[in-house]
Amino acid sequence: MHVAERDGTLLGFCAVNPAAAPPELDALFVEPDAMGAGVGRALLAQAEPFYLREGARRVGEPADP
């Protein structure tokens, strides 16, 4: 799980399911007040190395605000 926070306040998180084949993103959440500030992009960037290491060919998540 990856967490984004600022000054101790949770801005968002993402969770990867490594047991899925191929690995998949189980959750990606960004606080509504933090949307548009790059929080989701930063969380995916933290998760991307895991996906690529596990053989994923692309990393992404459809948006659902």
Protein backbone atom coordinates (compact mmCIF):
# COMPACT_ATOMS: atom_id res chain seq x y z
CA MET A 1 0.00 0.00 0.00
CA HIS A 2 1.20 3.49 -0.82
CA VAL A 3 0.00 6.55 1.08
CA ALA A 4 0.12 10.25 0.24
CA GLU A 5 -0.04 12.76 3.05
CA ARG A 6 0.75 16.39 3.72
CA ASP A 7 1.43 17.72 7.20
CA GLY A 8 0.04 14.53 8.72
CA THR A 9 -3.21 14.69 6.74
CA LEU A 10 -4.08 11.73 4.51
CA LEU A 11 -4.52 12.84 0.89
CA GLY A 12 -4.89 9.44 -0.75
CA PHE A 13 -3.74 5.85 -1.02
CA CYS A 14 -3.38 3.02 -3.48
CA ALA A 15 -3.20 -0.72 -2.87
CA VAL A 16 -1.76 -3.30 -5.24
CA ASN A 17 -2.88 -6.94 -5.23
CA PRO A 18 0.33 -8.88 -5.94
CA ALA A 19 -1.51 -12.22 -5.87
CA ALA A 20 -3.59 -11.39 -8.95
CA ALA A 21 -2.28 -12.56 -12.31
CA PRO A 22 -1.30 -10.12 -13.65
CA PRO A 23 -0.95 -7.91 -10.55
CA GLU A 24 -3.72 -5.35 -10.30
CA LEU A 25 -4.55 -2.16 -8.53
CA ASP A 26 -7.12 -2.97 -5.85
CA ALA A 27 -7.76 0.61 -4.77
CA LEU A 28 -6.84 4.15 -5.67
CA PHE A 29 -8.41 6.89 -3.59
CA VAL A 30 -7.73 10.63 -3.48
CA GLU A 31 -9.50 12.96 -1.07
CA PRO A 32 -11.87 15.19 -3.08
CA ASP A 33 -10.14 18.36 -1.84
CA ALA A 34 -6.80 17.02 -3.14
CA MET A 35 -8.06 16.07 -6.62
CA GLY A 36 -6.30 17.85 -9.42
CA ALA A 37 -3.12 18.34 -7.38
CA GLY A 38 -1.23 15.32 -8.79
CA VAL A 39 -1.83 13.04 -5.80
CA GLY A 40 -3.22 10.15 -7.87
CA ARG A 41 -0.41 10.52 -10.39
CA ALA A 42 2.17 10.40 -7.58
CA LEU A 43 0.56 7.30 -6.06
CA LEU A 44 0.58 5.48 -9.41
CA ALA A 45 4.22 6.50 -9.89
CA GLN A 46 5.03 4.84 -6.55
CA ALA A 47 3.22 1.64 -7.58
CA GLU A 48 4.59 1.51 -11.16
CA PRO A 49 7.96 -0.12 -10.34
CA PHE A 50 6.14 -3.07 -8.75
CA TYR A 51 3.94 -3.54 -11.82
CA LEU A 52 6.87 -3.38 -14.22
CA ARG A 53 8.97 -5.73 -12.09
CA GLU A 54 6.11 -8.23 -12.18
CA GLY A 55 5.90 -8.09 -15.98
CA ALA A 56 3.05 -5.64 -16.53
CA ARG A 57 3.08 -3.96 -19.92
CA ARG A 58 1.12 -0.88 -18.93
CA VAL A 59 0.04 0.81 -15.75
CA GLY A 60 -3.13 2.81 -15.34
CA GLU A 61 -6.49 3.10 -13.68
CA PRO A 62 -9.73 4.47 -15.07
CA ALA A 63 -10.90 7.58 -13.30
CA ASP A 64 -14.05 7.49 -11.18
CA PRO A 65 -14.28 10.80 -9.30
